Each structure stands twice: as C-alpha cells, then as structure tokens.
PDB file of N, CA and C in Angstrom:
ATOM      1  N   MET A   1       0.841  -1.147   0.026  1.00  0.00           N
ATOM      2  CA  MET A   1       0.220  -0.023  -0.014  1.00  0.00           C
ATOM      3  C   MET A   1       0.854   1.145   0.083  1.00  0.00           C
ATOM      4  N   SER A   2       0.468   2.157  -0.877  1.00  0.00           N
ATOM      5  CA  SER A   2       1.397   3.328  -0.936  1.00  0.00           C
ATOM      6  C   SER A   2       0.889   4.486   0.172  1.00  0.00           C
ATOM      7  N   VAL A   3       1.928   5.303   0.451  1.00  0.00           N
ATOM      8  CA  VAL A   3       1.659   6.351   1.482  1.00  0.00           C
ATOM      9  C   VAL A   3       0.925   7.492   0.885  1.00  0.00           C
ATOM     10  N   ILE A   4      -0.134   8.025   1.525  1.00  0.00           N
ATOM     11  CA  ILE A   4      -0.954   9.104   0.981  1.00  0.00           C
ATOM     12  C   ILE A   4      -0.335  10.271   1.766  1.00  0.00           C
ATOM     13  N   ARG A   5       0.049  11.324   0.966  1.00  0.00           N
ATOM     14  CA  ARG A   5       0.694  12.548   1.494  1.00  0.00           C
ATOM     15  C   ARG A   5      -0.383  13.724   1.563  1.00  0.00           C
ATOM     16  N   LEU A   6      -0.309  14.449   2.568  1.00  0.00           N
ATOM     17  CA  LEU A   6      -1.051  15.727   2.573  1.00  0.00           C
ATOM     18  C   LEU A   6      -0.437  16.879   1.776  1.00  0.00           C
ATOM     19  N   LEU A   7      -1.132  17.533   1.007  1.00  0.00           N
ATOM     20  CA  LEU A   7      -0.726  18.770   0.333  1.00  0.00           C
ATOM     21  C   LEU A   7      -1.439  19.992   0.927  1.00  0.00           C
ATOM     22  N   GLY A   8      -0.696  21.002   1.377  1.00  0.00           N
ATOM     23  CA  GLY A   8      -1.272  22.089   1.977  1.00  0.00           C
ATOM     24  C   GLY A   8      -0.894  21.942   3.434  1.00  0.00           C
ATOM     25  N   PRO A   9      -1.582  22.540   4.334  1.00  0.00           N
ATOM     26  CA  PRO A   9      -2.733  23.485   4.111  1.00  0.00           C
ATOM     27  C   PRO A   9      -2.298  24.675   3.550  1.00  0.00           C
ATOM     28  N   TYR A  10      -3.159  25.263   2.634  1.00  0.00           N
ATOM     29  CA  TYR A  10      -3.030  26.490   1.998  1.00  0.00           C
ATOM     30  C   TYR A  10      -4.347  27.361   2.467  1.00  0.00           C
ATOM     31  N   ASP A  11      -4.112  28.203   3.446  1.00  0.00           N
ATOM     32  CA  ASP A  11      -5.297  28.903   4.234  1.00  0.00           C
ATOM     33  C   ASP A  11      -6.005  27.650   4.785  1.00  0.00           C
ATOM     34  N   ASP A  12      -7.251  27.430   4.345  1.00  0.00           N
ATOM     35  CA  ASP A  12      -8.062  26.314   4.964  1.00  0.00           C
ATOM     36  C   ASP A  12      -8.285  25.024   3.896  1.00  0.00           C
ATOM     37  N   ARG A  13      -7.565  25.210   2.854  1.00  0.00           N
ATOM     38  CA  ARG A  13      -7.528  23.964   1.800  1.00  0.00           C
ATOM     39  C   ARG A  13      -6.535  23.174   1.895  1.00  0.00           C
ATOM     40  N   VAL A  14      -6.900  21.891   1.732  1.00  0.00           N
ATOM     41  CA  VAL A  14      -6.058  20.692   1.679  1.00  0.00           C
ATOM     42  C   VAL A  14      -6.281  19.700   0.572  1.00  0.00           C
ATOM     43  N   ALA A  15      -5.343  18.847   0.286  1.00  0.00           N
ATOM     44  CA  ALA A  15      -5.652  17.924  -0.702  1.00  0.00           C
ATOM     45  C   ALA A  15      -4.585  16.713  -0.319  1.00  0.00           C
ATOM     46  N   ALA A  16      -5.009  15.515  -0.929  1.00  0.00           N
ATOM     47  CA  ALA A  16      -4.359  14.319  -0.706  1.00  0.00           C
ATOM     48  C   ALA A  16      -4.268  13.685  -2.085  1.00  0.00           C
ATOM     49  N   GLU A  17      -3.216  13.055  -2.338  1.00  0.00           N
ATOM     50  CA  GLU A  17      -3.081  12.288  -3.591  1.00  0.00           C
ATOM     51  C   GLU A  17      -3.056  10.799  -3.428  1.00  0.00           C
ATOM     52  N   LEU A  18      -4.160  10.385  -4.118  1.00  0.00           N
ATOM     53  CA  LEU A  18      -4.435   8.857  -4.099  1.00  0.00           C
ATOM     54  C   LEU A  18      -3.990   8.334  -5.609  1.00  0.00           C
ATOM     55  N   PRO A  19      -3.978   7.135  -5.762  1.00  0.00           N
ATOM     56  CA  PRO A  19      -3.565   6.665  -7.135  1.00  0.00           C
ATOM     57  C   PRO A  19      -4.525   6.948  -8.327  1.00  0.00           C
ATOM     58  N   GLU A  20      -5.721   7.220  -7.996  1.00  0.00           N
ATOM     59  CA  GLU A  20      -6.712   7.561  -8.792  1.00  0.00           C
ATOM     60  C   GLU A  20      -6.821   9.079  -9.035  1.00  0.00           C
ATOM     61  N   GLY A  21      -6.173   9.848  -8.247  1.00  0.00           N
ATOM     62  CA  GLY A  21      -6.232  11.351  -8.423  1.00  0.00           C
ATOM     63  C   GLY A  21      -6.244  11.964  -7.139  1.00  0.00           C
ATOM     64  N   TYR A  22      -6.351  13.270  -7.244  1.00  0.00           N
ATOM     65  CA  TYR A  22      -6.408  14.110  -6.058  1.00  0.00           C
ATOM     66  C   TYR A  22      -7.615  14.179  -5.263  1.00  0.00           C
ATOM     67  N   VAL A  23      -7.716  14.095  -3.953  1.00  0.00           N
ATOM     68  CA  VAL A  23      -8.866  14.436  -3.141  1.00  0.00           C
ATOM     69  C   VAL A  23      -8.825  15.799  -2.562  1.00  0.00           C
ATOM     70  N   VAL A  24      -9.690  16.714  -2.749  1.00  0.00           N
ATOM     71  CA  VAL A  24      -9.566  18.131  -2.192  1.00  0.00           C
ATOM     72  C   VAL A  24     -10.735  18.668  -1.455  1.00  0.00           C
ATOM     73  N   GLY A  25     -10.369  19.375  -0.454  1.00  0.00           N
ATOM     74  CA  GLY A  25     -11.455  19.883   0.447  1.00  0.00           C
ATOM     75  C   GLY A  25     -10.893  21.110   1.310  1.00  0.00           C
ATOM     76  N   THR A  26     -11.669  21.323   2.203  1.00  0.00           N
ATOM     77  CA  THR A  26     -11.392  22.507   3.182  1.00  0.00           C
ATOM     78  C   THR A  26     -11.448  21.899   4.613  1.00  0.00           C
ATOM     79  N   CYS A  27     -10.840  22.627   5.536  1.00  0.00           N
ATOM     80  CA  CYS A  27     -10.869  22.207   6.904  1.00  0.00           C
ATOM     81  C   CYS A  27     -11.736  23.365   7.579  1.00  0.00           C
ATOM     82  N   PRO A  28     -12.908  22.856   8.270  1.00  0.00           N
ATOM     83  CA  PRO A  28     -13.792  23.822   8.871  1.00  0.00           C
ATOM     84  C   PRO A  28     -13.156  24.290  10.305  1.00  0.00           C
ATOM     85  N   GLY A  29     -12.319  23.587  10.726  1.00  0.00           N
ATOM     86  CA  GLY A  29     -11.504  23.880  12.151  1.00  0.00           C
ATOM     87  C   GLY A  29     -10.163  24.114  11.735  1.00  0.00           C
ATOM     88  N   ASP A  30      -9.253  23.917  12.699  1.00  0.00           N
ATOM     89  CA  ASP A  30      -7.887  24.069  12.630  1.00  0.00           C
ATOM     90  C   ASP A  30      -7.260  22.961  11.658  1.00  0.00           C
ATOM     91  N   CYS A  31      -6.410  23.336  10.756  1.00  0.00           N
ATOM     92  CA  CYS A  31      -5.611  22.272   9.963  1.00  0.00           C
ATOM     93  C   CYS A  31      -4.345  22.078  10.881  1.00  0.00           C
ATOM     94  N   VAL A  32      -4.383  20.874  11.560  1.00  0.00           N
ATOM     95  CA  VAL A  32      -3.329  20.558  12.464  1.00  0.00           C
ATOM     96  C   VAL A  32      -2.314  19.769  11.851  1.00  0.00           C
ATOM     97  N   MET A  33      -2.146  19.454  10.532  1.00  0.00           N
ATOM     98  CA  MET A  33      -1.088  18.715  10.046  1.00  0.00           C
ATOM     99  C   MET A  33      -0.309  19.485   9.246  1.00  0.00           C
ATOM    100  N   ALA A  34       1.013  18.997   9.112  1.00  0.00           N
ATOM    101  CA  ALA A  34       1.951  19.706   8.238  1.00  0.00           C
ATOM    102  C   ALA A  34       2.016  19.138   6.804  1.00  0.00           C
ATOM    103  N   ALA A  35       2.340  19.967   5.987  1.00  0.00           N
ATOM    104  CA  ALA A  35       2.422  19.625   4.571  1.00  0.00           C
ATOM    105  C   ALA A  35       3.356  18.328   4.472  1.00  0.00           C
ATOM    106  N   GLY A  36       3.018  17.466   3.671  1.00  0.00           N
ATOM    107  CA  GLY A  36       3.875  16.218   3.513  1.00  0.00           C
ATOM    108  C   GLY A  36       3.449  15.071   4.463  1.00  0.00           C
ATOM    109  N   ALA A  37       2.613  15.285   5.425  1.00  0.00           N
ATOM    110  CA  ALA A  37       2.360  14.256   6.582  1.00  0.00           C
ATOM    111  C   ALA A  37       1.717  13.173   5.842  1.00  0.00           C
ATOM    112  N   ALA A  38       2.061  11.899   6.219  1.00  0.00           N
ATOM    113  CA  ALA A  38       1.398  10.720   5.813  1.00  0.00           C
ATOM    114  C   ALA A  38       0.073  10.538   6.514  1.00  0.00           C
ATOM    115  N   VAL A  39      -0.997  10.532   5.739  1.00  0.00           N
ATOM    116  CA  VAL A  39      -2.451  10.599   6.275  1.00  0.00           C
ATOM    117  C   VAL A  39      -3.122   9.299   5.966  1.00  0.00           C
ATOM    118  N   THR A  40      -4.140   8.886   6.812  1.00  0.00           N
ATOM    119  CA  THR A  40      -4.915   7.800   6.463  1.00  0.00           C
ATOM    120  C   THR A  40      -6.343   8.393   6.672  1.00  0.00           C
ATOM    121  N   GLY A  41      -7.421   7.706   6.332  1.00  0.00           N
ATOM    122  CA  GLY A  41      -8.921   7.930   6.435  1.00  0.00           C
ATOM    123  C   GLY A  41      -9.317   8.881   5.091  1.00  0.00           C
ATOM    124  N   VAL A  42      -8.566   8.893   4.053  1.00  0.00           N
ATOM    125  CA  VAL A  42      -8.765   9.716   2.885  1.00  0.00           C
ATOM    126  C   VAL A  42      -9.718   8.933   2.065  1.00  0.00           C
ATOM    127  N   LEU A  43     -10.874   9.142   1.795  1.00  0.00           N
ATOM    128  CA  LEU A  43     -11.818   8.378   0.943  1.00  0.00           C
ATOM    129  C   LEU A  43     -12.222   9.221  -0.374  1.00  0.00           C
ATOM    130  N   ARG A  44     -12.497   8.409  -1.376  1.00  0.00           N
ATOM    131  CA  ARG A  44     -12.911   8.931  -2.684  1.00  0.00           C
ATOM    132  C   ARG A  44     -14.346   9.124  -2.667  1.00  0.00           C
ATOM    133  N   CYS A  45     -14.777  10.137  -1.818  1.00  0.00           N
ATOM    134  CA  CYS A  45     -16.257  10.591  -1.895  1.00  0.00           C
ATOM    135  C   CYS A  45     -16.296  11.951  -1.405  1.00  0.00           C
ATOM    136  N   THR A  46     -17.293  12.620  -1.674  1.00  0.00           N
ATOM    137  CA  THR A  46     -17.485  14.060  -0.965  1.00  0.00           C
ATOM    138  C   THR A  46     -18.146  13.904   0.377  1.00  0.00           C
ATOM    139  N   GLY A  47     -18.073  15.041   1.012  1.00  0.00           N
ATOM    140  CA  GLY A  47     -18.536  15.139   2.562  1.00  0.00           C
ATOM    141  C   GLY A  47     -17.483  15.164   3.586  1.00  0.00           C
ATOM    142  N   GLU A  48     -17.989  15.162   4.811  1.00  0.00           N
ATOM    143  CA  GLU A  48     -17.140  15.313   5.899  1.00  0.00           C
ATOM    144  C   GLU A  48     -16.265  14.039   6.107  1.00  0.00           C
ATOM    145  N   GLN A  49     -14.873  14.217   6.360  1.00  0.00           N
ATOM    146  CA  GLN A  49     -14.011  12.916   6.682  1.00  0.00           C
ATOM    147  C   GLN A  49     -13.109  13.298   7.763  1.00  0.00           C
ATOM    148  N   ARG A  50     -12.621  12.222   8.532  1.00  0.00           N
ATOM    149  CA  ARG A  50     -11.549  12.624   9.475  1.00  0.00           C
ATOM    150  C   ARG A  50     -10.250  11.950   8.961  1.00  0.00           C
ATOM    151  N   TRP A  51      -9.395  12.923   8.667  1.00  0.00           N
ATOM    152  CA  TRP A  51      -7.955  12.352   8.276  1.00  0.00           C
ATOM    153  C   TRP A  51      -7.111  12.367   9.541  1.00  0.00           C
ATOM    154  N   THR A  52      -6.192  11.283   9.632  1.00  0.00           N
ATOM    155  CA  THR A  52      -5.223  11.099  10.723  1.00  0.00           C
ATOM    156  C   THR A  52      -3.851  11.032  10.216  1.00  0.00           C
ATOM    157  N   ASP A  53      -2.813  11.619  10.820  1.00  0.00           N
ATOM    158  CA  ASP A  53      -1.485  11.551  10.383  1.00  0.00           C
ATOM    159  C   ASP A  53      -0.798  10.561  11.115  1.00  0.00           C
ATOM    160  N   GLU A  54       0.565  10.372  10.952  1.00  0.00           N
ATOM    161  CA  GLU A  54       1.501   9.326  11.535  1.00  0.00           C
ATOM    162  C   GLU A  54       1.573   9.663  13.088  1.00  0.00           C
ATOM    163  N   HIS A  55       1.328  10.990  13.342  1.00  0.00           N
ATOM    164  CA  HIS A  55       1.541  11.403  14.895  1.00  0.00           C
ATOM    165  C   HIS A  55       0.250  11.229  15.665  1.00  0.00           C
ATOM    166  N   GLY A  56      -0.830  10.846  15.050  1.00  0.00           N
ATOM    167  CA  GLY A  56      -2.162  10.734  15.668  1.00  0.00           C
ATOM    168  C   GLY A  56      -2.894  12.019  15.685  1.00  0.00           C
ATOM    169  N   HIS A  57      -2.493  13.147  14.939  1.00  0.00           N
ATOM    170  CA  HIS A  57      -3.304  14.219  14.955  1.00  0.00           C
ATOM    171  C   HIS A  57      -4.420  13.964  13.979  1.00  0.00           C
ATOM    172  N   VAL A  58      -5.689  14.448  14.282  1.00  0.00           N
ATOM    173  CA  VAL A  58      -6.826  14.191  13.470  1.00  0.00           C
ATOM    174  C   VAL A  58      -7.415  15.639  13.086  1.00  0.00           C
ATOM    175  N   MET A  59      -7.865  15.687  11.877  1.00  0.00           N
ATOM    176  CA  MET A  59      -8.471  16.902  11.475  1.00  0.00           C
ATOM    177  C   MET A  59      -9.575  16.596  10.729  1.00  0.00           C
ATOM    178  N   THR A  60     -10.686  17.369  10.701  1.00  0.00           N
ATOM    179  CA  THR A  60     -12.040  17.147   9.869  1.00  0.00           C
ATOM    180  C   THR A  60     -11.698  17.877   8.576  1.00  0.00           C
ATOM    181  N   VAL A  61     -12.007  17.227   7.548  1.00  0.00           N
ATOM    182  CA  VAL A  61     -11.890  17.819   6.042  1.00  0.00           C
ATOM    183  C   VAL A  61     -13.386  17.535   5.442  1.00  0.00           C
ATOM    184  N   VAL A  62     -13.767  18.556   4.905  1.00  0.00           N
ATOM    185  CA  VAL A  62     -14.888  18.499   4.088  1.00  0.00           C
ATOM    186  C   VAL A  62     -14.448  18.477   2.654  1.00  0.00           C
ATOM    187  N   VAL A  63     -14.659  17.203   2.108  1.00  0.00           N
ATOM    188  CA  VAL A  63     -14.233  16.814   0.702  1.00  0.00           C
ATOM    189  C   VAL A  63     -15.209  17.429  -0.239  1.00  0.00           C
ATOM    190  N   GLU A  64     -14.697  18.299  -1.225  1.00  0.00           N
ATOM    191  CA  GLU A  64     -15.432  18.914  -2.247  1.00  0.00           C
ATOM    192  C   GLU A  64     -15.285  18.208  -3.599  1.00  0.00           C
ATOM    193  N   ASP A  65     -14.134  17.415  -3.781  1.00  0.00           N
ATOM    194  CA  ASP A  65     -14.019  16.913  -5.156  1.00  0.00           C
ATOM    195  C   ASP A  65     -12.927  15.738  -4.935  1.00  0.00           C
ATOM    196  N   PHE A  66     -12.953  14.772  -5.943  1.00  0.00           N
ATOM    197  CA  PHE A  66     -11.993  13.626  -5.930  1.00  0.00           C
ATOM    198  C   PHE A  66     -11.797  13.320  -7.284  1.00  0.00           C
ATOM    199  N   ASP A  67     -10.632  12.488  -7.444  1.00  0.00           N
ATOM    200  CA  ASP A  67     -10.199  11.921  -8.700  1.00  0.00           C
ATOM    201  C   ASP A  67      -9.783  13.089  -9.679  1.00  0.00           C
ATOM    202  N   LEU A  68      -9.204  14.196  -9.196  1.00  0.00           N
ATOM    203  CA  LEU A  68      -8.903  15.295  -9.928  1.00  0.00           C
ATOM    204  C   LEU A  68      -7.343  14.984 -10.446  1.00  0.00           C
ATOM    205  N   ASP A  69      -7.143  15.394 -11.759  1.00  0.00           N
ATOM    206  CA  ASP A  69      -5.801  15.209 -12.153  1.00  0.00           C
ATOM    207  C   ASP A  69      -5.098  16.509 -11.836  1.00  0.00           C
ATOM    208  N   ASP A  70      -3.741  16.642 -12.387  1.00  0.00           N
ATOM    209  CA  ASP A  70      -2.883  17.707 -12.085  1.00  0.00           C
ATOM    210  C   ASP A  70      -3.626  19.047 -12.428  1.00  0.00           C
ATOM    211  N   GLN A  71      -4.142  19.174 -13.697  1.00  0.00           N
ATOM    212  CA  GLN A  71      -4.822  20.236 -14.080  1.00  0.00           C
ATOM    213  C   GLN A  71      -5.906  20.508 -13.306  1.00  0.00           C
ATOM    214  N   GLY A  72      -6.747  19.698 -12.905  1.00  0.00           N
ATOM    215  CA  GLY A  72      -8.054  19.799 -11.836  1.00  0.00           C
ATOM    216  C   GLY A  72      -7.472  20.339 -10.596  1.00  0.00           C
ATOM    217  N   LEU A  73      -6.503  19.862 -10.034  1.00  0.00           N
ATOM    218  CA  LEU A  73      -5.947  20.289  -8.934  1.00  0.00           C
ATOM    219  C   LEU A  73      -5.556  21.710  -8.975  1.00  0.00           C
ATOM    220  N   ARG A  74      -4.845  22.066  -9.963  1.00  0.00           N
ATOM    221  CA  ARG A  74      -4.462  23.532 -10.263  1.00  0.00           C
ATOM    222  C   ARG A  74      -5.763  24.502 -10.384  1.00  0.00           C
ATOM    223  N   ASP A  75      -6.708  23.952 -11.123  1.00  0.00           N
ATOM    224  CA  ASP A  75      -7.811  24.750 -11.141  1.00  0.00           C
ATOM    225  C   ASP A  75      -8.660  24.878  -9.864  1.00  0.00           C
ATOM    226  N   TRP A  76      -8.723  23.776  -9.239  1.00  0.00           N
ATOM    227  CA  TRP A  76      -9.358  23.828  -7.833  1.00  0.00           C
ATOM    228  C   TRP A  76      -8.638  24.952  -6.873  1.00  0.00           C
ATOM    229  N   SER A  77      -7.257  24.820  -6.909  1.00  0.00           N
ATOM    230  CA  SER A  77      -6.593  25.559  -5.947  1.00  0.00           C
ATOM    231  C   SER A  77      -6.500  27.003  -6.213  1.00  0.00           C
ATOM    232  N   THR A  78      -6.906  27.398  -7.377  1.00  0.00           N
ATOM    233  CA  THR A  78      -6.969  28.843  -7.799  1.00  0.00           C
ATOM    234  C   THR A  78      -8.480  29.213  -7.922  1.00  0.00           C
ATOM    235  N   GLY A  79      -9.419  28.369  -7.771  1.00  0.00           N
ATOM    236  CA  GLY A  79     -10.705  28.774  -7.753  1.00  0.00           C
ATOM    237  C   GLY A  79     -11.512  28.672  -9.191  1.00  0.00           C
ATOM    238  N   LEU A  80     -10.682  28.207 -10.130  1.00  0.00           N
ATOM    239  CA  LEU A  80     -11.315  28.047 -11.541  1.00  0.00           C
ATOM    240  C   LEU A  80     -12.305  26.887 -11.468  1.00  0.00           C
ATOM    241  N   GLU A  81     -13.220  27.075 -12.385  1.00  0.00           N
ATOM    242  CA  GLU A  81     -14.314  25.956 -12.522  1.00  0.00           C
ATOM    243  C   GLU A  81     -13.897  25.161 -13.648  1.00  0.00           C
TER     244      GLU A  81
END
C-alpha cells in the first residue's frame, strides 16, 4: 500500500494524492497537520471525513471533489471552474 501525503494546508484548503487522483477539500476547524504528512482516512467521496496523520493528529476535512488530475488540482486551488 502506498503512502498518502497531505498537500497543504493553504489557508483552509488541503488535498491528498491517491493513485486515482487528488482528493480536495477544506478544514472547517484548525488544519493541524503539516504539509507532506502521511495521512489515513482519505476516501474517494464528497462530504465530511476525518484524516489522521502518523503522529495521531486528527482533522476534519470537508471533501469537495475527488479523482482530480494535475490540471484539476491547479484549477481547484486557484478557484477556476
């Protein structure tokens, strides 16, 4: 199983890269994980999820989209539709 890495946080936005593509969302609370952290709990569906890092930090992420490619991630991060 490959390691899933956290991208961000950028303001309140975060992403994680799965083999199928990027999962992207926002943190309604504090983004308590550092960029590059190995995370678990990342699912390929929209809605509220709880992601955990290798240190046991847990954060809530409201996933907005998933299976994005590199261009989709760039568009999402800059607010393009």
